PDB file of all heavy atoms in Angstrom:
ATOM      1  N   TRP A   1     -13.192  24.457  -6.338  1.00  0.00           N
ATOM      2  CA  TRP A   1     -12.373  23.271  -6.635  1.00  0.00           C
ATOM      3  C   TRP A   1     -10.897  23.550  -6.375  1.00  0.00           C
ATOM      4  O   TRP A   1     -10.218  22.757  -5.720  1.00  0.00           O
ATOM      5  CB  TRP A   1     -12.579  22.846  -8.090  1.00  0.00           C
ATOM      6  CG  TRP A   1     -11.697  21.699  -8.481  1.00  0.00           C
ATOM      7  CD1 TRP A   1     -11.952  20.367  -8.294  1.00  0.00           C
ATOM      8  CD2 TRP A   1     -10.395  21.790  -9.081  1.00  0.00           C
ATOM      9  NE1 TRP A   1     -10.893  19.611  -8.742  1.00  0.00           N
ATOM     10  CE2 TRP A   1      -9.917  20.458  -9.228  1.00  0.00           C
ATOM     11  CE3 TRP A   1      -9.598  22.833  -9.500  1.00  0.00           C
ATOM     12  CZ2 TRP A   1      -8.675  20.172  -9.785  1.00  0.00           C
ATOM     13  CZ3 TRP A   1      -8.360  22.564 -10.058  1.00  0.00           C
ATOM     14  CH2 TRP A   1      -7.899  21.248 -10.196  1.00  0.00           C
ATOM     15  N   ILE A   2     -10.383  24.673  -6.874  1.00  0.00           N
ATOM     16  CA  ILE A   2      -8.950  24.927  -6.726  1.00  0.00           C
ATOM     17  C   ILE A   2      -8.584  25.239  -5.272  1.00  0.00           C
ATOM     18  O   ILE A   2      -7.498  24.884  -4.802  1.00  0.00           O
ATOM     19  CB  ILE A   2      -8.485  26.042  -7.680  1.00  0.00           C
ATOM     20  CG1 ILE A   2      -6.975  25.925  -7.922  1.00  0.00           C
ATOM     21  CG2 ILE A   2      -8.847  27.429  -7.171  1.00  0.00           C
ATOM     22  CD1 ILE A   2      -6.461  26.781  -9.054  1.00  0.00           C
ATOM     23  N   LEU A   3      -9.505  25.859  -4.531  1.00  0.00           N
ATOM     24  CA  LEU A   3      -9.248  26.129  -3.123  1.00  0.00           C
ATOM     25  C   LEU A   3      -9.138  24.841  -2.312  1.00  0.00           C
ATOM     26  O   LEU A   3      -8.519  24.820  -1.249  1.00  0.00           O
ATOM     27  CB  LEU A   3     -10.362  27.014  -2.550  1.00  0.00           C
ATOM     28  CG  LEU A   3     -10.317  28.488  -2.954  1.00  0.00           C
ATOM     29  CD1 LEU A   3     -11.678  29.152  -2.728  1.00  0.00           C
ATOM     30  CD2 LEU A   3      -9.233  29.216  -2.172  1.00  0.00           C
ATOM     31  N   ARG A   4      -9.723  23.786  -2.824  1.00  0.00           N
ATOM     32  CA  ARG A   4      -9.713  22.494  -2.136  1.00  0.00           C
ATOM     33  C   ARG A   4      -8.430  21.697  -2.414  1.00  0.00           C
ATOM     34  O   ARG A   4      -8.125  20.733  -1.694  1.00  0.00           O
ATOM     35  CB  ARG A   4     -10.944  21.702  -2.605  1.00  0.00           C
ATOM     36  CG  ARG A   4     -11.051  20.271  -2.119  1.00  0.00           C
ATOM     37  CD  ARG A   4     -12.237  19.598  -2.778  1.00  0.00           C
ATOM     38  NE  ARG A   4     -12.134  18.142  -2.675  1.00  0.00           N
ATOM     39  CZ  ARG A   4     -13.017  17.370  -2.067  1.00  0.00           C
ATOM     40  NH1 ARG A   4     -14.077  17.903  -1.502  1.00  0.00           N
ATOM     41  NH2 ARG A   4     -12.861  16.059  -2.036  1.00  0.00           N
ATOM     42  N   GLN A   5      -7.656  22.090  -3.405  1.00  0.00           N
ATOM     43  CA  GLN A   5      -6.494  21.303  -3.810  1.00  0.00           C
ATOM     44  C   GLN A   5      -5.361  21.430  -2.792  1.00  0.00           C
ATOM     45  O   GLN A   5      -5.047  22.533  -2.345  1.00  0.00           O
ATOM     46  CB  GLN A   5      -6.013  21.728  -5.195  1.00  0.00           C
ATOM     47  CG  GLN A   5      -7.068  21.578  -6.274  1.00  0.00           C
ATOM     48  CD  GLN A   5      -7.763  20.227  -6.236  1.00  0.00           C
ATOM     49  OE1 GLN A   5      -7.128  19.176  -6.353  1.00  0.00           O
ATOM     50  NE2 GLN A   5      -9.085  20.241  -6.070  1.00  0.00           N
ATOM     51  N   PRO A   6      -4.721  20.330  -2.429  1.00  0.00           N
ATOM     52  CA  PRO A   6      -3.672  20.351  -1.408  1.00  0.00           C
ATOM     53  C   PRO A   6      -2.531  21.282  -1.776  1.00  0.00           C
ATOM     54  O   PRO A   6      -2.026  21.256  -2.900  1.00  0.00           O
ATOM     55  CB  PRO A   6      -3.197  18.889  -1.365  1.00  0.00           C
ATOM     56  CG  PRO A   6      -4.327  18.088  -1.920  1.00  0.00           C
ATOM     57  CD  PRO A   6      -4.990  18.963  -2.937  1.00  0.00           C
ATOM     58  N   GLY A   7      -2.150  22.122  -0.851  1.00  0.00           N
ATOM     59  CA  GLY A   7      -1.011  23.012  -1.045  1.00  0.00           C
ATOM     60  C   GLY A   7      -1.342  24.369  -1.612  1.00  0.00           C
ATOM     61  O   GLY A   7      -0.498  25.276  -1.591  1.00  0.00           O
ATOM     62  N   VAL A   8      -2.558  24.554  -2.142  1.00  0.00           N
ATOM     63  CA  VAL A   8      -2.920  25.848  -2.723  1.00  0.00           C
ATOM     64  C   VAL A   8      -3.191  26.845  -1.598  1.00  0.00           C
ATOM     65  O   VAL A   8      -4.037  26.612  -0.736  1.00  0.00           O
ATOM     66  CB  VAL A   8      -4.140  25.725  -3.650  1.00  0.00           C
ATOM     67  CG1 VAL A   8      -4.650  27.104  -4.063  1.00  0.00           C
ATOM     68  CG2 VAL A   8      -3.785  24.911  -4.882  1.00  0.00           C
ATOM     69  N   THR A   9      -2.482  27.970  -1.637  1.00  0.00           N
ATOM     70  CA  THR A   9      -2.618  28.998  -0.605  1.00  0.00           C
ATOM     71  C   THR A   9      -3.697  30.002  -0.970  1.00  0.00           C
ATOM     72  O   THR A   9      -4.654  30.215  -0.219  1.00  0.00           O
ATOM     73  CB  THR A   9      -1.282  29.749  -0.412  1.00  0.00           C
ATOM     74  OG1 THR A   9      -0.267  28.814  -0.059  1.00  0.00           O
ATOM     75  CG2 THR A   9      -1.404  30.804   0.683  1.00  0.00           C
ATOM     76  N   ALA A  10      -3.550  30.650  -2.132  1.00  0.00           N
ATOM     77  CA  ALA A  10      -4.481  31.708  -2.520  1.00  0.00           C
ATOM     78  C   ALA A  10      -4.479  31.858  -4.034  1.00  0.00           C
ATOM     79  O   ALA A  10      -3.509  32.370  -4.600  1.00  0.00           O
ATOM     80  CB  ALA A  10      -4.101  33.033  -1.870  1.00  0.00           C
ATOM     81  N   PRO A  11      -5.526  31.423  -4.722  1.00  0.00           N
ATOM     82  CA  PRO A  11      -5.603  31.651  -6.168  1.00  0.00           C
ATOM     83  C   PRO A  11      -5.629  33.147  -6.474  1.00  0.00           C
ATOM     84  O   PRO A  11      -6.247  33.924  -5.741  1.00  0.00           O
ATOM     85  CB  PRO A  11      -6.928  30.990  -6.566  1.00  0.00           C
ATOM     86  CG  PRO A  11      -7.341  30.149  -5.406  1.00  0.00           C
ATOM     87  CD  PRO A  11      -6.712  30.726  -4.197  1.00  0.00           C
ATOM     88  N   ILE A  12      -4.968  33.537  -7.567  1.00  0.00           N
ATOM     89  CA  ILE A  12      -4.952  34.933  -7.993  1.00  0.00           C
ATOM     90  C   ILE A  12      -6.010  35.110  -9.073  1.00  0.00           C
ATOM     91  O   ILE A  12      -5.861  34.610 -10.186  1.00  0.00           O
ATOM     92  CB  ILE A  12      -3.568  35.323  -8.532  1.00  0.00           C
ATOM     93  CG1 ILE A  12      -2.497  35.111  -7.461  1.00  0.00           C
ATOM     94  CG2 ILE A  12      -3.563  36.774  -9.008  1.00  0.00           C
ATOM     95  CD1 ILE A  12      -1.087  35.251  -7.979  1.00  0.00           C
ATOM     96  N   PHE A  13      -7.077  35.797  -8.743  1.00  0.00           N
ATOM     97  CA  PHE A  13      -8.168  35.971  -9.710  1.00  0.00           C
ATOM     98  C   PHE A  13      -8.235  37.430 -10.148  1.00  0.00           C
ATOM     99  O   PHE A  13      -7.945  38.356  -9.403  1.00  0.00           O
ATOM    100  CB  PHE A  13      -9.513  35.547  -9.101  1.00  0.00           C
ATOM    101  CG  PHE A  13     -10.082  36.526  -8.097  1.00  0.00           C
ATOM    102  CD1 PHE A  13     -11.079  37.418  -8.473  1.00  0.00           C
ATOM    103  CD2 PHE A  13      -9.615  36.570  -6.795  1.00  0.00           C
ATOM    104  CE1 PHE A  13     -11.599  38.322  -7.564  1.00  0.00           C
ATOM    105  CE2 PHE A  13     -10.123  37.481  -5.876  1.00  0.00           C
ATOM    106  CZ  PHE A  13     -11.125  38.355  -6.256  1.00  0.00           C
ATOM    107  N   GLY A  14      -8.605  37.627 -11.403  1.00  0.00           N
ATOM    108  CA  GLY A  14      -8.819  38.966 -11.927  1.00  0.00           C
ATOM    109  C   GLY A  14     -10.301  39.210 -12.128  1.00  0.00           C
ATOM    110  O   GLY A  14     -11.085  38.262 -12.252  1.00  0.00           O
ATOM    111  N   THR A  15     -10.686  40.466 -12.155  1.00  0.00           N
ATOM    112  CA  THR A  15     -12.100  40.776 -12.320  1.00  0.00           C
ATOM    113  C   THR A  15     -12.272  42.127 -12.995  1.00  0.00           C
ATOM    114  O   THR A  15     -11.428  43.023 -12.855  1.00  0.00           O
ATOM    115  CB  THR A  15     -12.827  40.781 -10.955  1.00  0.00           C
ATOM    116  OG1 THR A  15     -14.223  41.047 -11.151  1.00  0.00           O
ATOM    117  CG2 THR A  15     -12.246  41.840 -10.031  1.00  0.00           C
ATOM    118  N   THR A  16     -13.361  42.280 -13.730  1.00  0.00           N
ATOM    119  CA  THR A  16     -13.699  43.563 -14.348  1.00  0.00           C
ATOM    120  C   THR A  16     -15.075  44.049 -13.913  1.00  0.00           C
ATOM    121  O   THR A  16     -15.512  45.111 -14.343  1.00  0.00           O
ATOM    122  CB  THR A  16     -13.683  43.455 -15.888  1.00  0.00           C
ATOM    123  OG1 THR A  16     -14.580  42.400 -16.299  1.00  0.00           O
ATOM    124  CG2 THR A  16     -12.278  43.150 -16.402  1.00  0.00           C
ATOM    125  N   LYS A  17     -15.755  43.276 -13.053  1.00  0.00           N
ATOM    126  CA  LYS A  17     -17.084  43.655 -12.590  1.00  0.00           C
ATOM    127  C   LYS A  17     -17.227  43.355 -11.105  1.00  0.00           C
ATOM    128  O   LYS A  17     -16.685  42.357 -10.608  1.00  0.00           O
ATOM    129  CB  LYS A  17     -18.168  42.901 -13.373  1.00  0.00           C
ATOM    130  CG  LYS A  17     -18.210  43.220 -14.858  1.00  0.00           C
ATOM    131  CD  LYS A  17     -19.316  42.453 -15.555  1.00  0.00           C
ATOM    132  CE  LYS A  17     -19.355  42.788 -17.053  1.00  0.00           C
ATOM    133  NZ  LYS A  17     -20.417  42.016 -17.747  1.00  0.00           N
ATOM    134  N   LEU A  18     -17.979  44.194 -10.391  1.00  0.00           N
ATOM    135  CA  LEU A  18     -18.165  44.003  -8.958  1.00  0.00           C
ATOM    136  C   LEU A  18     -18.830  42.663  -8.658  1.00  0.00           C
ATOM    137  O   LEU A  18     -18.477  41.993  -7.685  1.00  0.00           O
ATOM    138  CB  LEU A  18     -19.004  45.150  -8.387  1.00  0.00           C
ATOM    139  CG  LEU A  18     -18.310  46.512  -8.289  1.00  0.00           C
ATOM    140  CD1 LEU A  18     -19.321  47.597  -7.891  1.00  0.00           C
ATOM    141  CD2 LEU A  18     -17.165  46.468  -7.290  1.00  0.00           C
ATOM    142  N   GLU A  19     -19.784  42.257  -9.497  1.00  0.00           N
ATOM    143  CA  GLU A  19     -20.474  40.997  -9.220  1.00  0.00           C
ATOM    144  C   GLU A  19     -19.541  39.800  -9.368  1.00  0.00           C
ATOM    145  O   GLU A  19     -19.702  38.790  -8.673  1.00  0.00           O
ATOM    146  CB  GLU A  19     -21.704  40.823 -10.121  1.00  0.00           C
ATOM    147  CG  GLU A  19     -21.440  40.938 -11.609  1.00  0.00           C
ATOM    148  CD  GLU A  19     -21.700  42.322 -12.156  1.00  0.00           C
ATOM    149  OE1 GLU A  19     -21.428  43.300 -11.442  1.00  0.00           O
ATOM    150  OE2 GLU A  19     -22.196  42.425 -13.307  1.00  0.00           O
ATOM    151  N   HIS A  20     -18.549  39.908 -10.243  1.00  0.00           N
ATOM    152  CA  HIS A  20     -17.588  38.822 -10.383  1.00  0.00           C
ATOM    153  C   HIS A  20     -16.697  38.734  -9.146  1.00  0.00           C
ATOM    154  O   HIS A  20     -16.330  37.642  -8.702  1.00  0.00           O
ATOM    155  CB  HIS A  20     -16.732  39.030 -11.627  1.00  0.00           C
ATOM    156  CG  HIS A  20     -17.504  38.946 -12.897  1.00  0.00           C
ATOM    157  ND1 HIS A  20     -16.998  39.360 -14.115  1.00  0.00           N
ATOM    158  CD2 HIS A  20     -18.772  38.496 -13.151  1.00  0.00           C
ATOM    159  CE1 HIS A  20     -17.910  39.165 -15.055  1.00  0.00           C
ATOM    160  NE2 HIS A  20     -18.993  38.655 -14.485  1.00  0.00           N
ATOM    161  N   LEU A  21     -16.343  39.882  -8.587  1.00  0.00           N
ATOM    162  CA  LEU A  21     -15.560  39.882  -7.354  1.00  0.00           C
ATOM    163  C   LEU A  21     -16.364  39.266  -6.213  1.00  0.00           C
ATOM    164  O   LEU A  21     -15.846  38.458  -5.436  1.00  0.00           O
ATOM    165  CB  LEU A  21     -15.134  41.310  -7.016  1.00  0.00           C
ATOM    166  CG  LEU A  21     -14.043  41.470  -5.948  1.00  0.00           C
ATOM    167  CD1 LEU A  21     -13.269  42.758  -6.178  1.00  0.00           C
ATOM    168  CD2 LEU A  21     -14.615  41.476  -4.539  1.00  0.00           C
ATOM    169  N   ASP A  22     -17.639  39.632  -6.126  1.00  0.00           N
ATOM    170  CA  ASP A  22     -18.490  39.066  -5.080  1.00  0.00           C
ATOM    171  C   ASP A  22     -18.642  37.557  -5.254  1.00  0.00           C
ATOM    172  O   ASP A  22     -18.708  36.808  -4.275  1.00  0.00           O
ATOM    173  CB  ASP A  22     -19.866  39.737  -5.104  1.00  0.00           C
ATOM    174  CG  ASP A  22     -19.794  41.213  -4.717  1.00  0.00           C
ATOM    175  OD1 ASP A  22     -18.804  41.611  -4.065  1.00  0.00           O
ATOM    176  OD2 ASP A  22     -20.722  41.961  -5.079  1.00  0.00           O
ATOM    177  N   ASP A  23     -18.709  37.102  -6.512  1.00  0.00           N
ATOM    178  CA  ASP A  23     -18.762  35.663  -6.795  1.00  0.00           C
ATOM    179  C   ASP A  23     -17.527  34.956  -6.246  1.00  0.00           C
ATOM    180  O   ASP A  23     -17.617  33.867  -5.663  1.00  0.00           O
ATOM    181  CB  ASP A  23     -18.824  35.426  -8.308  1.00  0.00           C
ATOM    182  CG  ASP A  23     -20.244  35.275  -8.807  1.00  0.00           C
ATOM    183  OD1 ASP A  23     -21.171  35.285  -7.979  1.00  0.00           O
ATOM    184  OD2 ASP A  23     -20.425  35.138 -10.027  1.00  0.00           O
ATOM    185  N   ALA A  24     -16.365  35.558  -6.475  1.00  0.00           N
ATOM    186  CA  ALA A  24     -15.119  34.945  -6.016  1.00  0.00           C
ATOM    187  C   ALA A  24     -15.106  34.819  -4.507  1.00  0.00           C
ATOM    188  O   ALA A  24     -14.723  33.770  -3.955  1.00  0.00           O
ATOM    189  CB  ALA A  24     -13.926  35.769  -6.502  1.00  0.00           C
TER     190      ALA A  24
END
């Protein structure tokens, strides 16, 4: 959803697990 918003370049996401990074 946020990647689709006009003007958004790159959301900054944090992660503590490899599977969460793969999800992103």
